[in-house]
Amino acid sequence: MWEERITAEQREARELQLADYGLDPARI
């Protein structure tokens, strides 16, 4: 189950990319 959801718009507003979450590239 996922607990929180961060949309692309929310990441853009915070000036964050997928790489900032370790998802570009993904660890696993």
mmCIF file of all heavy atoms, coordinates in Angstrom:
data_MODEL
# 
_entry.id   MODEL 
# 
loop_
_atom_site.group_PDB 
_atom_site.id 
_atom_site.type_symbol 
_atom_site.label_atom_id 
_atom_site.label_alt_id 
_atom_site.label_comp_id 
_atom_site.label_asym_id 
_atom_site.label_entity_id 
_atom_site.label_seq_id 
_atom_site.pdbx_PDB_ins_code 
_atom_site.Cartn_x 
_atom_site.Cartn_y 
_atom_site.Cartn_z 
_atom_site.occupancy 
_atom_site.B_iso_or_equiv 
_atom_site.pdbx_formal_charge 
_atom_site.auth_seq_id 
_atom_site.auth_comp_id 
_atom_site.auth_asym_id 
_atom_site.auth_atom_id 
_atom_site.pdbx_PDB_model_num 
ATOM 1   N N   . MET A 1 1  ? 0.841  -1.202 0.000   1.00 0.00 ? 1  MET A N   1 
ATOM 2   C CA  . MET A 1 1  ? 0.000  0.000  0.000   1.00 0.00 ? 1  MET A CA  1 
ATOM 3   C C   . MET A 1 1  ? 0.873  1.247  0.000   1.00 0.00 ? 1  MET A C   1 
ATOM 4   O O   . MET A 1 1  ? 1.874  1.306  0.708   1.00 0.00 ? 1  MET A O   1 
ATOM 5   C CB  . MET A 1 1  ? -0.893 0.022  1.243   1.00 0.00 ? 1  MET A CB  1 
ATOM 6   C CG  . MET A 1 1  ? -1.672 -1.259 1.488   1.00 0.00 ? 1  MET A CG  1 
ATOM 7   S SD  . MET A 1 1  ? -3.119 -1.433 0.436   1.00 0.00 ? 1  MET A SD  1 
ATOM 8   C CE  . MET A 1 1  ? -4.240 -0.294 1.233   1.00 0.00 ? 1  MET A CE  1 
ATOM 9   N N   . TRP A 1 2  ? 0.503  2.233  -0.820  1.00 0.00 ? 2  TRP A N   1 
ATOM 10  C CA  . TRP A 1 2  ? 1.229  3.494  -0.760  1.00 0.00 ? 2  TRP A CA  1 
ATOM 11  C C   . TRP A 1 2  ? 0.564  4.417  0.255   1.00 0.00 ? 2  TRP A C   1 
ATOM 12  O O   . TRP A 1 2  ? -0.634 4.335  0.498   1.00 0.00 ? 2  TRP A O   1 
ATOM 13  C CB  . TRP A 1 2  ? 1.330  4.162  -2.124  1.00 0.00 ? 2  TRP A CB  1 
ATOM 14  C CG  . TRP A 1 2  ? 0.046  4.468  -2.840  1.00 0.00 ? 2  TRP A CG  1 
ATOM 15  C CD1 . TRP A 1 2  ? -0.570 3.699  -3.790  1.00 0.00 ? 2  TRP A CD1 1 
ATOM 16  C CD2 . TRP A 1 2  ? -0.769 5.641  -2.692  1.00 0.00 ? 2  TRP A CD2 1 
ATOM 17  N NE1 . TRP A 1 2  ? -1.708 4.309  -4.246  1.00 0.00 ? 2  TRP A NE1 1 
ATOM 18  C CE2 . TRP A 1 2  ? -1.856 5.510  -3.595  1.00 0.00 ? 2  TRP A CE2 1 
ATOM 19  C CE3 . TRP A 1 2  ? -0.694 6.782  -1.907  1.00 0.00 ? 2  TRP A CE3 1 
ATOM 20  C CZ2 . TRP A 1 2  ? -2.849 6.465  -3.715  1.00 0.00 ? 2  TRP A CZ2 1 
ATOM 21  C CZ3 . TRP A 1 2  ? -1.681 7.744  -2.023  1.00 0.00 ? 2  TRP A CZ3 1 
ATOM 22  C CH2 . TRP A 1 2  ? -2.743 7.581  -2.911  1.00 0.00 ? 2  TRP A CH2 1 
ATOM 23  N N   . GLU A 1 3  ? 1.374  5.295  0.841   1.00 0.00 ? 3  GLU A N   1 
ATOM 24  C CA  . GLU A 1 3  ? 0.895  6.164  1.905   1.00 0.00 ? 3  GLU A CA  1 
ATOM 25  C C   . GLU A 1 3  ? 0.713  7.607  1.443   1.00 0.00 ? 3  GLU A C   1 
ATOM 26  O O   . GLU A 1 3  ? -0.269 8.251  1.793   1.00 0.00 ? 3  GLU A O   1 
ATOM 27  C CB  . GLU A 1 3  ? 1.874  6.113  3.084   1.00 0.00 ? 3  GLU A CB  1 
ATOM 28  C CG  . GLU A 1 3  ? 1.992  4.707  3.687   1.00 0.00 ? 3  GLU A CG  1 
ATOM 29  C CD  . GLU A 1 3  ? 3.050  4.618  4.759   1.00 0.00 ? 3  GLU A CD  1 
ATOM 30  O OE1 . GLU A 1 3  ? 3.861  5.562  4.880   1.00 0.00 ? 3  GLU A OE1 1 
ATOM 31  O OE2 . GLU A 1 3  ? 3.077  3.605  5.483   1.00 0.00 ? 3  GLU A OE2 1 
ATOM 32  N N   . GLU A 1 4  ? 1.655  8.133  0.653   1.00 0.00 ? 4  GLU A N   1 
ATOM 33  C CA  . GLU A 1 4  ? 1.540  9.487  0.130   1.00 0.00 ? 4  GLU A CA  1 
ATOM 34  C C   . GLU A 1 4  ? 1.803  9.477  -1.372  1.00 0.00 ? 4  GLU A C   1 
ATOM 35  O O   . GLU A 1 4  ? 2.510  8.604  -1.876  1.00 0.00 ? 4  GLU A O   1 
ATOM 36  C CB  . GLU A 1 4  ? 2.539  10.427 0.816   1.00 0.00 ? 4  GLU A CB  1 
ATOM 37  C CG  . GLU A 1 4  ? 2.282  10.612 2.304   1.00 0.00 ? 4  GLU A CG  1 
ATOM 38  C CD  . GLU A 1 4  ? 3.274  11.557 2.932   1.00 0.00 ? 4  GLU A CD  1 
ATOM 39  O OE1 . GLU A 1 4  ? 4.031  12.213 2.172   1.00 0.00 ? 4  GLU A OE1 1 
ATOM 40  O OE2 . GLU A 1 4  ? 3.319  11.647 4.165   1.00 0.00 ? 4  GLU A OE2 1 
ATOM 41  N N   . ARG A 1 5  ? 1.235  10.459 -2.045  1.00 0.00 ? 5  ARG A N   1 
ATOM 42  C CA  . ARG A 1 5  ? 1.362  10.543 -3.503  1.00 0.00 ? 5  ARG A CA  1 
ATOM 43  C C   . ARG A 1 5  ? 1.793  11.958 -3.877  1.00 0.00 ? 5  ARG A C   1 
ATOM 44  O O   . ARG A 1 5  ? 1.111  12.932 -3.548  1.00 0.00 ? 5  ARG A O   1 
ATOM 45  C CB  . ARG A 1 5  ? 0.035  10.183 -4.167  1.00 0.00 ? 5  ARG A CB  1 
ATOM 46  C CG  . ARG A 1 5  ? 0.080  10.059 -5.676  1.00 0.00 ? 5  ARG A CG  1 
ATOM 47  C CD  . ARG A 1 5  ? -1.255 9.505  -6.172  1.00 0.00 ? 5  ARG A CD  1 
ATOM 48  N NE  . ARG A 1 5  ? -1.248 9.290  -7.602  1.00 0.00 ? 5  ARG A NE  1 
ATOM 49  C CZ  . ARG A 1 5  ? -1.608 10.206 -8.492  1.00 0.00 ? 5  ARG A CZ  1 
ATOM 50  N NH1 . ARG A 1 5  ? -2.003 11.403 -8.081  1.00 0.00 ? 5  ARG A NH1 1 
ATOM 51  N NH2 . ARG A 1 5  ? -1.574 9.927  -9.784  1.00 0.00 ? 5  ARG A NH2 1 
ATOM 52  N N   . ILE A 1 6  ? 2.935  12.071 -4.549  1.00 0.00 ? 6  ILE A N   1 
ATOM 53  C CA  . ILE A 1 6  ? 3.473  13.367 -4.957  1.00 0.00 ? 6  ILE A CA  1 
ATOM 54  C C   . ILE A 1 6  ? 3.347  13.462 -6.475  1.00 0.00 ? 6  ILE A C   1 
ATOM 55  O O   . ILE A 1 6  ? 4.023  12.740 -7.213  1.00 0.00 ? 6  ILE A O   1 
ATOM 56  C CB  . ILE A 1 6  ? 4.940  13.520 -4.529  1.00 0.00 ? 6  ILE A CB  1 
ATOM 57  C CG1 . ILE A 1 6  ? 5.086  13.241 -3.028  1.00 0.00 ? 6  ILE A CG1 1 
ATOM 58  C CG2 . ILE A 1 6  ? 5.468  14.902 -4.868  1.00 0.00 ? 6  ILE A CG2 1 
ATOM 59  C CD1 . ILE A 1 6  ? 6.519  13.103 -2.574  1.00 0.00 ? 6  ILE A CD1 1 
ATOM 60  N N   . THR A 1 7  ? 2.481  14.345 -6.964  1.00 0.00 ? 7  THR A N   1 
ATOM 61  C CA  . THR A 1 7  ? 2.222  14.441 -8.394  1.00 0.00 ? 7  THR A CA  1 
ATOM 62  C C   . THR A 1 7  ? 3.356  15.184 -9.103  1.00 0.00 ? 7  THR A C   1 
ATOM 63  O O   . THR A 1 7  ? 4.191  15.840 -8.474  1.00 0.00 ? 7  THR A O   1 
ATOM 64  C CB  . THR A 1 7  ? 0.903  15.175 -8.647  1.00 0.00 ? 7  THR A CB  1 
ATOM 65  O OG1 . THR A 1 7  ? 1.028  16.530 -8.192  1.00 0.00 ? 7  THR A OG1 1 
ATOM 66  C CG2 . THR A 1 7  ? -0.244 14.488 -7.915  1.00 0.00 ? 7  THR A CG2 1 
ATOM 67  N N   . ALA A 1 8  ? 3.351  15.095 -10.437 1.00 0.00 ? 8  ALA A N   1 
ATOM 68  C CA  . ALA A 1 8  ? 4.356  15.801 -11.232 1.00 0.00 ? 8  ALA A CA  1 
ATOM 69  C C   . ALA A 1 8  ? 4.234  17.310 -11.038 1.00 0.00 ? 8  ALA A C   1 
ATOM 70  O O   . ALA A 1 8  ? 5.246  18.029 -11.014 1.00 0.00 ? 8  ALA A O   1 
ATOM 71  C CB  . ALA A 1 8  ? 4.201  15.437 -12.705 1.00 0.00 ? 8  ALA A CB  1 
ATOM 72  N N   . GLU A 1 9  ? 2.997  17.810 -10.901 1.00 0.00 ? 9  GLU A N   1 
ATOM 73  C CA  . GLU A 1 9  ? 2.795  19.240 -10.680 1.00 0.00 ? 9  GLU A CA  1 
ATOM 74  C C   . GLU A 1 9  ? 3.378  19.682 -9.350  1.00 0.00 ? 9  GLU A C   1 
ATOM 75  O O   . GLU A 1 9  ? 3.985  20.763 -9.237  1.00 0.00 ? 9  GLU A O   1 
ATOM 76  C CB  . GLU A 1 9  ? 1.293  19.570 -10.733 1.00 0.00 ? 9  GLU A CB  1 
ATOM 77  C CG  . GLU A 1 9  ? 0.664  19.429 -12.104 1.00 0.00 ? 9  GLU A CG  1 
ATOM 78  C CD  . GLU A 1 9  ? 0.411  17.974 -12.485 1.00 0.00 ? 9  GLU A CD  1 
ATOM 79  O OE1 . GLU A 1 9  ? 0.503  17.100 -11.588 1.00 0.00 ? 9  GLU A OE1 1 
ATOM 80  O OE2 . GLU A 1 9  ? 0.140  17.708 -13.673 1.00 0.00 ? 9  GLU A OE2 1 
ATOM 81  N N   . GLN A 1 10 ? 3.207  18.871 -8.320  1.00 0.00 ? 10 GLN A N   1 
ATOM 82  C CA  . GLN A 1 10 ? 3.765  19.203 -7.008  1.00 0.00 ? 10 GLN A CA  1 
ATOM 83  C C   . GLN A 1 10 ? 5.287  19.192 -7.042  1.00 0.00 ? 10 GLN A C   1 
ATOM 84  O O   . GLN A 1 10 ? 5.930  20.041 -6.423  1.00 0.00 ? 10 GLN A O   1 
ATOM 85  C CB  . GLN A 1 10 ? 3.232  18.219 -5.959  1.00 0.00 ? 10 GLN A CB  1 
ATOM 86  C CG  . GLN A 1 10 ? 1.752  18.377 -5.668  1.00 0.00 ? 10 GLN A CG  1 
ATOM 87  C CD  . GLN A 1 10 ? 1.220  17.271 -4.790  1.00 0.00 ? 10 GLN A CD  1 
ATOM 88  O OE1 . GLN A 1 10 ? 1.659  16.122 -4.852  1.00 0.00 ? 10 GLN A OE1 1 
ATOM 89  N NE2 . GLN A 1 10 ? 0.245  17.601 -3.944  1.00 0.00 ? 10 GLN A NE2 1 
ATOM 90  N N   . ARG A 1 11 ? 5.859  18.237 -7.770  1.00 0.00 ? 11 ARG A N   1 
ATOM 91  C CA  . ARG A 1 11 ? 7.326  18.193 -7.874  1.00 0.00 ? 11 ARG A CA  1 
ATOM 92  C C   . ARG A 1 11 ? 7.835  19.419 -8.645  1.00 0.00 ? 11 ARG A C   1 
ATOM 93  O O   . ARG A 1 11 ? 8.872  19.988 -8.291  1.00 0.00 ? 11 ARG A O   1 
ATOM 94  C CB  . ARG A 1 11 ? 7.773  16.908 -8.584  1.00 0.00 ? 11 ARG A CB  1 
ATOM 95  C CG  . ARG A 1 11 ? 7.425  15.639 -7.836  1.00 0.00 ? 11 ARG A CG  1 
ATOM 96  C CD  . ARG A 1 11 ? 8.263  14.464 -8.324  1.00 0.00 ? 11 ARG A CD  1 
ATOM 97  N NE  . ARG A 1 11 ? 8.169  14.269 -9.756  1.00 0.00 ? 11 ARG A NE  1 
ATOM 98  C CZ  . ARG A 1 11 ? 7.229  13.529 -10.343 1.00 0.00 ? 11 ARG A CZ  1 
ATOM 99  N NH1 . ARG A 1 11 ? 6.296  12.939 -9.617  1.00 0.00 ? 11 ARG A NH1 1 
ATOM 100 N NH2 . ARG A 1 11 ? 7.208  13.377 -11.656 1.00 0.00 ? 11 ARG A NH2 1 
ATOM 101 N N   . GLU A 1 12 ? 7.112  19.803 -9.679  1.00 0.00 ? 12 GLU A N   1 
ATOM 102 C CA  . GLU A 1 12 ? 7.531  20.963 -10.464 1.00 0.00 ? 12 GLU A CA  1 
ATOM 103 C C   . GLU A 1 12 ? 7.476  22.229 -9.614  1.00 0.00 ? 12 GLU A C   1 
ATOM 104 O O   . GLU A 1 12 ? 8.365  23.095 -9.716  1.00 0.00 ? 12 GLU A O   1 
ATOM 105 C CB  . GLU A 1 12 ? 6.626  21.108 -11.687 1.00 0.00 ? 12 GLU A CB  1 
ATOM 106 C CG  . GLU A 1 12 ? 7.033  22.232 -12.628 1.00 0.00 ? 12 GLU A CG  1 
ATOM 107 C CD  . GLU A 1 12 ? 6.157  22.299 -13.857 1.00 0.00 ? 12 GLU A CD  1 
ATOM 108 O OE1 . GLU A 1 12 ? 5.322  21.393 -14.050 1.00 0.00 ? 12 GLU A OE1 1 
ATOM 109 O OE2 . GLU A 1 12 ? 6.308  23.268 -14.636 1.00 0.00 ? 12 GLU A OE2 1 
ATOM 110 N N   . ALA A 1 13 ? 6.443  22.337 -8.771  1.00 0.00 ? 13 ALA A N   1 
ATOM 111 C CA  . ALA A 1 13 ? 6.327  23.509 -7.903  1.00 0.00 ? 13 ALA A CA  1 
ATOM 112 C C   . ALA A 1 13 ? 7.471  23.566 -6.897  1.00 0.00 ? 13 ALA A C   1 
ATOM 113 O O   . ALA A 1 13 ? 7.898  24.654 -6.499  1.00 0.00 ? 13 ALA A O   1 
ATOM 114 C CB  . ALA A 1 13 ? 4.983  23.485 -7.180  1.00 0.00 ? 13 ALA A CB  1 
ATOM 115 N N   . ARG A 1 14 ? 7.980  22.402 -6.511  1.00 0.00 ? 14 ARG A N   1 
ATOM 116 C CA  . ARG A 1 14 ? 9.096  22.356 -5.557  1.00 0.00 ? 14 ARG A CA  1 
ATOM 117 C C   . ARG A 1 14 ? 10.450 22.302 -6.257  1.00 0.00 ? 14 ARG A C   1 
ATOM 118 O O   . ARG A 1 14 ? 11.484 22.195 -5.606  1.00 0.00 ? 14 ARG A O   1 
ATOM 119 C CB  . ARG A 1 14 ? 8.942  21.113 -4.668  1.00 0.00 ? 14 ARG A CB  1 
ATOM 120 C CG  . ARG A 1 14 ? 7.646  21.066 -3.883  1.00 0.00 ? 14 ARG A CG  1 
ATOM 121 C CD  . ARG A 1 14 ? 7.491  19.734 -3.175  1.00 0.00 ? 14 ARG A CD  1 
ATOM 122 N NE  . ARG A 1 14 ? 6.165  19.584 -2.592  1.00 0.00 ? 14 ARG A NE  1 
ATOM 123 C CZ  . ARG A 1 14 ? 5.732  18.468 -2.001  1.00 0.00 ? 14 ARG A CZ  1 
ATOM 124 N NH1 . ARG A 1 14 ? 6.541  17.401 -1.933  1.00 0.00 ? 14 ARG A NH1 1 
ATOM 125 N NH2 . ARG A 1 14 ? 4.519  18.404 -1.486  1.00 0.00 ? 14 ARG A NH2 1 
ATOM 126 N N   . GLU A 1 15 ? 10.412 22.330 -7.592  1.00 0.00 ? 15 GLU A N   1 
ATOM 127 C CA  . GLU A 1 15 ? 11.633 22.267 -8.408  1.00 0.00 ? 15 GLU A CA  1 
ATOM 128 C C   . GLU A 1 15 ? 12.416 20.983 -8.107  1.00 0.00 ? 15 GLU A C   1 
ATOM 129 O O   . GLU A 1 15 ? 13.631 20.988 -7.944  1.00 0.00 ? 15 GLU A O   1 
ATOM 130 C CB  . GLU A 1 15 ? 12.510 23.497 -8.178  1.00 0.00 ? 15 GLU A CB  1 
ATOM 131 C CG  . GLU A 1 15 ? 11.838 24.796 -8.600  1.00 0.00 ? 15 GLU A CG  1 
ATOM 132 C CD  . GLU A 1 15 ? 12.752 26.002 -8.435  1.00 0.00 ? 15 GLU A CD  1 
ATOM 133 O OE1 . GLU A 1 15 ? 13.843 25.837 -7.862  1.00 0.00 ? 15 GLU A OE1 1 
ATOM 134 O OE2 . GLU A 1 15 ? 12.367 27.099 -8.886  1.00 0.00 ? 15 GLU A OE2 1 
ATOM 135 N N   . LEU A 1 16 ? 11.689 19.872 -8.065  1.00 0.00 ? 16 LEU A N   1 
ATOM 136 C CA  . LEU A 1 16 ? 12.290 18.564 -7.813  1.00 0.00 ? 16 LEU A CA  1 
ATOM 137 C C   . LEU A 1 16 ? 12.080 17.653 -9.021  1.00 0.00 ? 16 LEU A C   1 
ATOM 138 O O   . LEU A 1 16 ? 11.060 17.733 -9.707  1.00 0.00 ? 16 LEU A O   1 
ATOM 139 C CB  . LEU A 1 16 ? 11.670 17.912 -6.566  1.00 0.00 ? 16 LEU A CB  1 
ATOM 140 C CG  . LEU A 1 16 ? 11.921 18.618 -5.230  1.00 0.00 ? 16 LEU A CG  1 
ATOM 141 C CD1 . LEU A 1 16 ? 11.122 17.956 -4.121  1.00 0.00 ? 16 LEU A CD1 1 
ATOM 142 C CD2 . LEU A 1 16 ? 13.415 18.604 -4.896  1.00 0.00 ? 16 LEU A CD2 1 
ATOM 143 N N   . GLN A 1 17 ? 13.064 16.785 -9.270  1.00 0.00 ? 17 GLN A N   1 
ATOM 144 C CA  . GLN A 1 17 ? 13.007 15.824 -10.361 1.00 0.00 ? 17 GLN A CA  1 
ATOM 145 C C   . GLN A 1 17 ? 12.951 14.406 -9.781  1.00 0.00 ? 17 GLN A C   1 
ATOM 146 O O   . GLN A 1 17 ? 13.170 14.198 -8.585  1.00 0.00 ? 17 GLN A O   1 
ATOM 147 C CB  . GLN A 1 17 ? 14.232 15.978 -11.272 1.00 0.00 ? 17 GLN A CB  1 
ATOM 148 C CG  . GLN A 1 17 ? 14.453 17.386 -11.785 1.00 0.00 ? 17 GLN A CG  1 
ATOM 149 C CD  . GLN A 1 17 ? 13.328 17.845 -12.695 1.00 0.00 ? 17 GLN A CD  1 
ATOM 150 O OE1 . GLN A 1 17 ? 12.756 17.052 -13.441 1.00 0.00 ? 17 GLN A OE1 1 
ATOM 151 N NE2 . GLN A 1 17 ? 13.023 19.142 -12.648 1.00 0.00 ? 17 GLN A NE2 1 
ATOM 152 N N   . LEU A 1 18 ? 12.668 13.432 -10.644 1.00 0.00 ? 18 LEU A N   1 
ATOM 153 C CA  . LEU A 1 18 ? 12.643 12.036 -10.191 1.00 0.00 ? 18 LEU A CA  1 
ATOM 154 C C   . LEU A 1 18 ? 13.995 11.621 -9.606  1.00 0.00 ? 18 LEU A C   1 
ATOM 155 O O   . LEU A 1 18 ? 14.053 10.804 -8.684  1.00 0.00 ? 18 LEU A O   1 
ATOM 156 C CB  . LEU A 1 18 ? 12.266 11.111 -11.349 1.00 0.00 ? 18 LEU A CB  1 
ATOM 157 C CG  . LEU A 1 18 ? 10.809 11.180 -11.828 1.00 0.00 ? 18 LEU A CG  1 
ATOM 158 C CD1 . LEU A 1 18 ? 10.610 10.272 -13.035 1.00 0.00 ? 18 LEU A CD1 1 
ATOM 159 C CD2 . LEU A 1 18 ? 9.858  10.780 -10.704 1.00 0.00 ? 18 LEU A CD2 1 
ATOM 160 N N   . ALA A 1 19 ? 15.080 12.186 -10.137 1.00 0.00 ? 19 ALA A N   1 
ATOM 161 C CA  . ALA A 1 19 ? 16.410 11.856 -9.628  1.00 0.00 ? 19 ALA A CA  1 
ATOM 162 C C   . ALA A 1 19 ? 16.569 12.251 -8.171  1.00 0.00 ? 19 ALA A C   1 
ATOM 163 O O   . ALA A 1 19 ? 17.342 11.627 -7.422  1.00 0.00 ? 19 ALA A O   1 
ATOM 164 C CB  . ALA A 1 19 ? 17.485 12.531 -10.474 1.00 0.00 ? 19 ALA A CB  1 
ATOM 165 N N   . ASP A 1 20 ? 15.849 13.267 -7.727  1.00 0.00 ? 20 ASP A N   1 
ATOM 166 C CA  . ASP A 1 20 ? 15.929 13.707 -6.331  1.00 0.00 ? 20 ASP A CA  1 
ATOM 167 C C   . ASP A 1 20 ? 15.336 12.684 -5.376  1.00 0.00 ? 20 ASP A C   1 
ATOM 168 O O   . ASP A 1 20 ? 15.585 12.736 -4.168  1.00 0.00 ? 20 ASP A O   1 
ATOM 169 C CB  . ASP A 1 20 ? 15.214 15.052 -6.160  1.00 0.00 ? 20 ASP A CB  1 
ATOM 170 C CG  . ASP A 1 20 ? 15.896 16.162 -6.948  1.00 0.00 ? 20 ASP A CG  1 
ATOM 171 O OD1 . ASP A 1 20 ? 17.127 16.287 -6.847  1.00 0.00 ? 20 ASP A OD1 1 
ATOM 172 O OD2 . ASP A 1 20 ? 15.191 16.880 -7.684  1.00 0.00 ? 20 ASP A OD2 1 
ATOM 173 N N   . TYR A 1 21 ? 14.549 11.760 -5.911  1.00 0.00 ? 21 TYR A N   1 
ATOM 174 C CA  . TYR A 1 21 ? 13.944 10.698 -5.106  1.00 0.00 ? 21 TYR A CA  1 
ATOM 175 C C   . TYR A 1 21 ? 14.642 9.349  -5.332  1.00 0.00 ? 21 TYR A C   1 
ATOM 176 O O   . TYR A 1 21 ? 14.179 8.323  -4.846  1.00 0.00 ? 21 TYR A O   1 
ATOM 177 C CB  . TYR A 1 21 ? 12.461 10.551 -5.437  1.00 0.00 ? 21 TYR A CB  1 
ATOM 178 C CG  . TYR A 1 21 ? 11.653 11.796 -5.178  1.00 0.00 ? 21 TYR A CG  1 
ATOM 179 C CD1 . TYR A 1 21 ? 11.463 12.749 -6.183  1.00 0.00 ? 21 TYR A CD1 1 
ATOM 180 C CD2 . TYR A 1 21 ? 11.078 12.031 -3.934  1.00 0.00 ? 21 TYR A CD2 1 
ATOM 181 C CE1 . TYR A 1 21 ? 10.721 13.899 -5.946  1.00 0.00 ? 21 TYR A CE1 1 
ATOM 182 C CE2 . TYR A 1 21 ? 10.334 13.179 -3.697  1.00 0.00 ? 21 TYR A CE2 1 
ATOM 183 C CZ  . TYR A 1 21 ? 10.165 14.111 -4.699  1.00 0.00 ? 21 TYR A CZ  1 
ATOM 184 O OH  . TYR A 1 21 ? 9.429  15.260 -4.466  1.00 0.00 ? 21 TYR A OH  1 
ATOM 185 N N   . GLY A 1 22 ? 15.724 9.364  -6.088  1.00 0.00 ? 22 GLY A N   1 
ATOM 186 C CA  . GLY A 1 22 ? 16.413 8.114  -6.386  1.00 0.00 ? 22 GLY A CA  1 
ATOM 187 C C   . GLY A 1 22 ? 15.684 7.259  -7.398  1.00 0.00 ? 22 GLY A C   1 
ATOM 188 O O   . GLY A 1 22 ? 15.860 6.038  -7.429  1.00 0.00 ? 22 GLY A O   1 
ATOM 189 N N   . LEU A 1 23 ? 14.887 7.905  -8.271  1.00 0.00 ? 23 LEU A N   1 
ATOM 190 C CA  . LEU A 1 23 ? 14.058 7.168  -9.225  1.00 0.00 ? 23 LEU A CA  1 
ATOM 191 C C   . LEU A 1 23 ? 14.462 7.391  -10.677 1.00 0.00 ? 23 LEU A C   1 
ATOM 192 O O   . LEU A 1 23 ? 13.771 6.921  -11.578 1.00 0.00 ? 23 LEU A O   1 
ATOM 193 C CB  . LEU A 1 23 ? 12.589 7.562  -9.037  1.00 0.00 ? 23 LEU A CB  1 
ATOM 194 C CG  . LEU A 1 23 ? 11.960 7.114  -7.712  1.00 0.00 ? 23 LEU A CG  1 
ATOM 195 C CD1 . LEU A 1 23 ? 10.617 7.773  -7.512  1.00 0.00 ? 23 LEU A CD1 1 
ATOM 196 C CD2 . LEU A 1 23 ? 11.832 5.598  -7.676  1.00 0.00 ? 23 LEU A CD2 1 
ATOM 197 N N   . ASP A 1 24 ? 15.545 8.090  -10.919 1.00 0.00 ? 24 ASP A N   1 
ATOM 198 C CA  . ASP A 1 24 ? 16.018 8.292  -12.291 1.00 0.00 ? 24 ASP A CA  1 
ATOM 199 C C   . ASP A 1 24 ? 17.555 8.282  -12.305 1.00 0.00 ? 24 ASP A C   1 
ATOM 200 O O   . ASP A 1 24 ? 18.180 9.338  -12.247 1.00 0.00 ? 24 ASP A O   1 
ATOM 201 C CB  . ASP A 1 24 ? 15.486 9.609  -12.848 1.00 0.00 ? 24 ASP A CB  1 
ATOM 202 C CG  . ASP A 1 24 ? 15.787 9.768  -14.334 1.00 0.00 ? 24 ASP A CG  1 
ATOM 203 O OD1 . ASP A 1 24 ? 16.091 8.750  -14.979 1.00 0.00 ? 24 ASP A OD1 1 
ATOM 204 O OD2 . ASP A 1 24 ? 15.721 10.907 -14.825 1.00 0.00 ? 24 ASP A OD2 1 
ATOM 205 N N   . PRO A 1 25 ? 18.150 7.076  -12.389 1.00 0.00 ? 25 PRO A N   1 
ATOM 206 C CA  . PRO A 1 25 ? 17.487 5.776  -12.507 1.00 0.00 ? 25 PRO A CA  1 
ATOM 207 C C   . PRO A 1 25 ? 17.046 5.238  -11.147 1.00 0.00 ? 25 PRO A C   1 
ATOM 208 O O   . PRO A 1 25 ? 17.529 5.699  -10.100 1.00 0.00 ? 25 PRO A O   1 
ATOM 209 C CB  . PRO A 1 25 ? 18.578 4.898  -13.107 1.00 0.00 ? 25 PRO A CB  1 
ATOM 210 C CG  . PRO A 1 25 ? 19.838 5.481  -12.536 1.00 0.00 ? 25 PRO A CG  1 
ATOM 211 C CD  . PRO A 1 25 ? 19.619 6.974  -12.489 1.00 0.00 ? 25 PRO A CD  1 
ATOM 212 N N   . ALA A 1 26 ? 16.152 4.250  -11.178 1.00 0.00 ? 26 ALA A N   1 
ATOM 213 C CA  . ALA A 1 26 ? 15.669 3.645  -9.937  1.00 0.00 ? 26 ALA A CA  1 
ATOM 214 C C   . ALA A 1 26 ? 16.720 2.718  -9.349  1.00 0.00 ? 26 ALA A C   1 
ATOM 215 O O   . ALA A 1 26 ? 17.530 2.141  -10.067 1.00 0.00 ? 26 ALA A O   1 
ATOM 216 C CB  . ALA A 1 26 ? 14.383 2.870  -10.207 1.00 0.00 ? 26 ALA A CB  1 
ATOM 217 N N   . ARG A 1 27 ? 16.713 2.591  -8.035  1.00 0.00 ? 27 ARG A N   1 
ATOM 218 C CA  . ARG A 1 27 ? 17.631 1.674  -7.356  1.00 0.00 ? 27 ARG A CA  1 
ATOM 219 C C   . ARG A 1 27 ? 17.276 0.213  -7.649  1.00 0.00 ? 27 ARG A C   1 
ATOM 220 O O   . ARG A 1 27 ? 18.125 -0.610 -7.911  1.00 0.00 ? 27 ARG A O   1 
ATOM 221 C CB  . ARG A 1 27 ? 17.600 1.909  -5.853  1.00 0.00 ? 27 ARG A CB  1 
ATOM 222 C CG  . ARG A 1 27 ? 17.839 3.353  -5.430  1.00 0.00 ? 27 ARG A CG  1 
ATOM 223 C CD  . ARG A 1 27 ? 19.272 3.758  -5.642  1.00 0.00 ? 27 ARG A CD  1 
ATOM 224 N NE  . ARG A 1 27 ? 19.524 5.083  -5.085  1.00 0.00 ? 27 ARG A NE  1 
ATOM 225 C CZ  . ARG A 1 27 ? 19.973 6.118  -5.771  1.00 0.00 ? 27 ARG A CZ  1 
ATOM 226 N NH1 . ARG A 1 27 ? 20.222 5.988  -7.073  1.00 0.00 ? 27 ARG A NH1 1 
ATOM 227 N NH2 . ARG A 1 27 ? 20.183 7.282  -5.188  1.00 0.00 ? 27 ARG A NH2 1 
ATOM 228 N N   . ILE A 1 28 ? 15.981 -0.064 -7.597  1.00 0.00 ? 28 ILE A N   1 
ATOM 229 C CA  . ILE A 1 28 ? 15.481 -1.430 -7.812  1.00 0.00 ? 28 ILE A CA  1 
ATOM 230 C C   . ILE A 1 28 ? 14.202 -1.334 -8.628  1.00 0.00 ? 28 ILE A C   1 
ATOM 231 O O   . ILE A 1 28 ? 13.398 -0.417 -8.435  1.00 0.00 ? 28 ILE A O   1 
ATOM 232 C CB  . ILE A 1 28 ? 15.188 -2.146 -6.471  1.00 0.00 ? 28 ILE A CB  1 
ATOM 233 C CG1 . ILE A 1 28 ? 16.443 -2.225 -5.600  1.00 0.00 ? 28 ILE A CG1 1 
ATOM 234 C CG2 . ILE A 1 28 ? 14.625 -3.542 -6.712  1.00 0.00 ? 28 ILE A CG2 1 
ATOM 235 C CD1 . ILE A 1 28 ? 16.179 -2.768 -4.208  1.00 0.00 ? 28 ILE A CD1 1 
# 
